[in-house]
Amino acid sequence: MITHIDHIVLTVRDIERAVAFYSRVLKMEAVSFAGGRRGLRFGTQKINLQTLGQETRNFAGIGSGDLCLITDMQTDALLDHLAAESVDVLEGPVAKSGATGPITSVYFNDPDGNLIEVSRYGPAPSSV
């Protein structure tokens, strides 16, 4: 019945600060839609951004997001990139289980406290 995720929504304090972080750190494309709403496109998916109370049909909270994003970047290069962007790694690299097999994951928070897991498919490096 379900084939894939089209978009998710993160609740943030400052939409433009979130756009800047995801564009800079994760190289996502900033987009505008629906009369000025903001989002971040990558591949065939999108993250829409909202402020607290903007969407009244859910029980969103700032910093309650927890998402796993897949990269094709080597884990060492990812760690170097995050360090260059002054992003504090909370955990990783660590072996985890992804939707279709083993992944190696690195965890950090965005500026609003959402937990971001960036992972690579394939066998875990021997250092994990």
Protein backbone atom coordinates (compact mmCIF):
# COMPACT_ATOMS: atom_id res chain seq x y z
CA MET A 1 0.00 0.00 0.00
CA ILE A 2 2.69 2.57 0.99
CA THR A 3 5.65 2.93 -1.37
CA HIS A 4 7.82 5.63 0.20
CA ILE A 5 7.94 8.80 2.29
CA ASP A 6 7.31 12.00 0.35
CA HIS A 7 8.06 14.47 3.15
CA ILE A 8 8.24 14.86 6.87
CA VAL A 9 7.70 17.99 8.96
CA LEU A 10 9.98 19.30 11.69
CA THR A 11 8.86 21.89 14.21
CA VAL A 12 11.56 24.49 14.81
CA ARG A 13 11.98 27.79 16.68
CA ASP A 14 13.38 29.72 13.73
CA ILE A 15 12.66 28.48 10.22
CA GLU A 16 15.43 30.43 8.49
CA ARG A 17 18.00 29.23 11.04
CA ALA A 18 16.91 25.64 10.34
CA VAL A 19 17.08 26.25 6.56
CA ALA A 20 20.61 27.61 6.95
CA PHE A 21 21.74 24.63 9.09
CA TYR A 22 20.36 21.91 6.81
CA SER A 23 21.56 23.70 3.67
CA ARG A 24 25.06 24.20 5.07
CA VAL A 25 25.62 20.99 7.01
CA LEU A 26 23.64 18.45 4.98
CA LYS A 27 23.72 20.20 1.58
CA MET A 28 19.93 20.14 1.20
CA GLU A 29 18.23 22.47 -1.26
CA ALA A 30 16.14 25.20 0.37
CA VAL A 31 12.71 25.55 -1.25
CA SER A 32 9.64 27.73 -0.79
CA PHE A 33 6.12 26.52 -1.44
CA ALA A 34 2.44 27.14 -0.62
CA GLY A 35 2.54 30.87 -0.11
CA GLY A 36 5.89 31.20 1.60
CA ARG A 37 6.27 27.96 3.55
CA ARG A 38 9.85 26.68 3.68
CA GLY A 39 11.33 23.25 3.19
CA LEU A 40 14.48 21.35 2.31
CA ARG A 41 14.67 19.04 -0.67
CA PHE A 42 17.12 16.15 -1.09
CA GLY A 43 16.77 13.41 -3.69
CA THR A 44 13.05 12.74 -4.10
CA GLN A 45 12.14 13.65 -0.52
CA LYS A 46 11.54 16.85 1.39
CA ILE A 47 11.56 18.13 4.96
CA ASN A 48 8.95 20.82 5.56
CA LEU A 49 9.49 23.24 8.41
CA GLN A 50 6.93 24.74 10.75
CA THR A 51 6.95 26.77 13.94
CA LEU A 52 5.18 25.70 17.10
CA GLY A 53 1.42 26.13 16.71
CA GLN A 54 1.55 26.67 12.95
CA GLU A 55 -0.11 23.29 12.34
CA THR A 56 -3.07 22.74 14.63
CA ARG A 57 -3.85 19.16 13.52
CA ASN A 58 -0.84 17.59 15.25
CA PHE A 59 0.82 17.61 18.66
CA ALA A 60 4.20 18.82 17.43
CA GLY A 61 6.94 19.92 19.78
CA ILE A 62 10.17 21.74 19.08
CA GLY A 63 13.07 19.30 19.02
CA SER A 64 10.93 16.14 19.09
CA GLY A 65 12.06 14.94 15.65
CA ASP A 66 14.28 11.89 15.22
CA LEU A 67 15.22 10.99 11.67
CA CYS A 68 17.68 8.85 9.82
CA LEU A 69 19.13 10.16 6.57
CA ILE A 70 21.14 7.98 4.19
CA THR A 71 24.39 9.20 2.67
CA ASP A 72 26.78 7.83 0.08
CA MET A 73 29.66 9.68 1.78
CA GLN A 74 32.30 7.53 3.46
CA THR A 75 31.94 7.64 7.25
CA ASP A 76 35.39 9.18 7.82
CA ALA A 77 34.61 11.92 5.29
CA LEU A 78 31.25 12.53 7.01
CA LEU A 79 32.96 12.90 10.39
CA ASP A 80 35.51 15.30 8.88
CA HIS A 81 32.70 17.32 7.27
CA LEU A 82 30.73 17.56 10.52
CA ALA A 83 33.85 18.66 12.40
CA ALA A 84 34.54 21.33 9.76
CA GLU A 85 30.95 22.57 10.22
CA SER A 86 31.39 22.64 14.04
CA VAL A 87 28.71 19.99 14.56
CA ASP A 88 29.13 17.99 17.77
CA VAL A 89 28.74 14.25 17.19
CA LEU A 90 26.71 12.61 19.96
CA GLU A 91 27.42 9.01 18.96
CA GLY A 92 29.08 7.10 16.19
CA PRO A 93 30.11 5.71 14.02
CA VAL A 94 28.03 2.81 15.30
CA ALA A 95 26.51 -0.24 13.60
CA LYS A 96 22.72 -0.13 13.34
CA SER A 97 19.94 -1.78 11.39
CA GLY A 98 18.37 0.22 8.56
CA ALA A 99 15.16 -0.40 6.65
CA THR A 100 16.90 -2.66 4.13
CA GLY A 101 20.00 -3.88 5.95
CA PRO A 102 23.02 -2.96 8.07
CA ILE A 103 24.02 0.69 8.31
CA THR A 104 26.78 2.65 9.98
CA SER A 105 25.35 5.68 11.76
CA VAL A 106 26.54 8.99 13.15
CA TYR A 107 24.22 10.98 15.45
CA PHE A 108 24.01 14.71 16.17
CA ASN A 109 21.40 17.35 16.99
CA ASP A 110 20.16 20.15 14.80
CA PRO A 111 19.90 23.65 16.34
CA ASP A 112 16.44 22.82 17.77
CA GLY A 113 17.47 19.53 19.38
CA ASN A 114 16.02 17.19 16.75
CA LEU A 115 18.09 14.01 16.66
CA ILE A 116 19.68 13.52 13.24
CA GLU A 117 21.17 10.16 12.28
CA VAL A 118 23.24 10.13 9.09
CA SER A 119 23.91 6.60 7.93
CA ARG A 120 25.61 4.65 5.20
CA TYR A 121 24.50 1.23 3.98
CA GLY A 122 26.98 -1.58 3.78
CA PRO A 123 29.13 -3.59 6.14
CA ALA A 124 30.33 -1.72 9.18
CA PRO A 125 33.94 -0.57 9.06
CA SER A 126 36.24 -2.58 11.31
CA SER A 127 36.61 0.43 13.63
CA VAL A 128 32.88 0.45 14.50
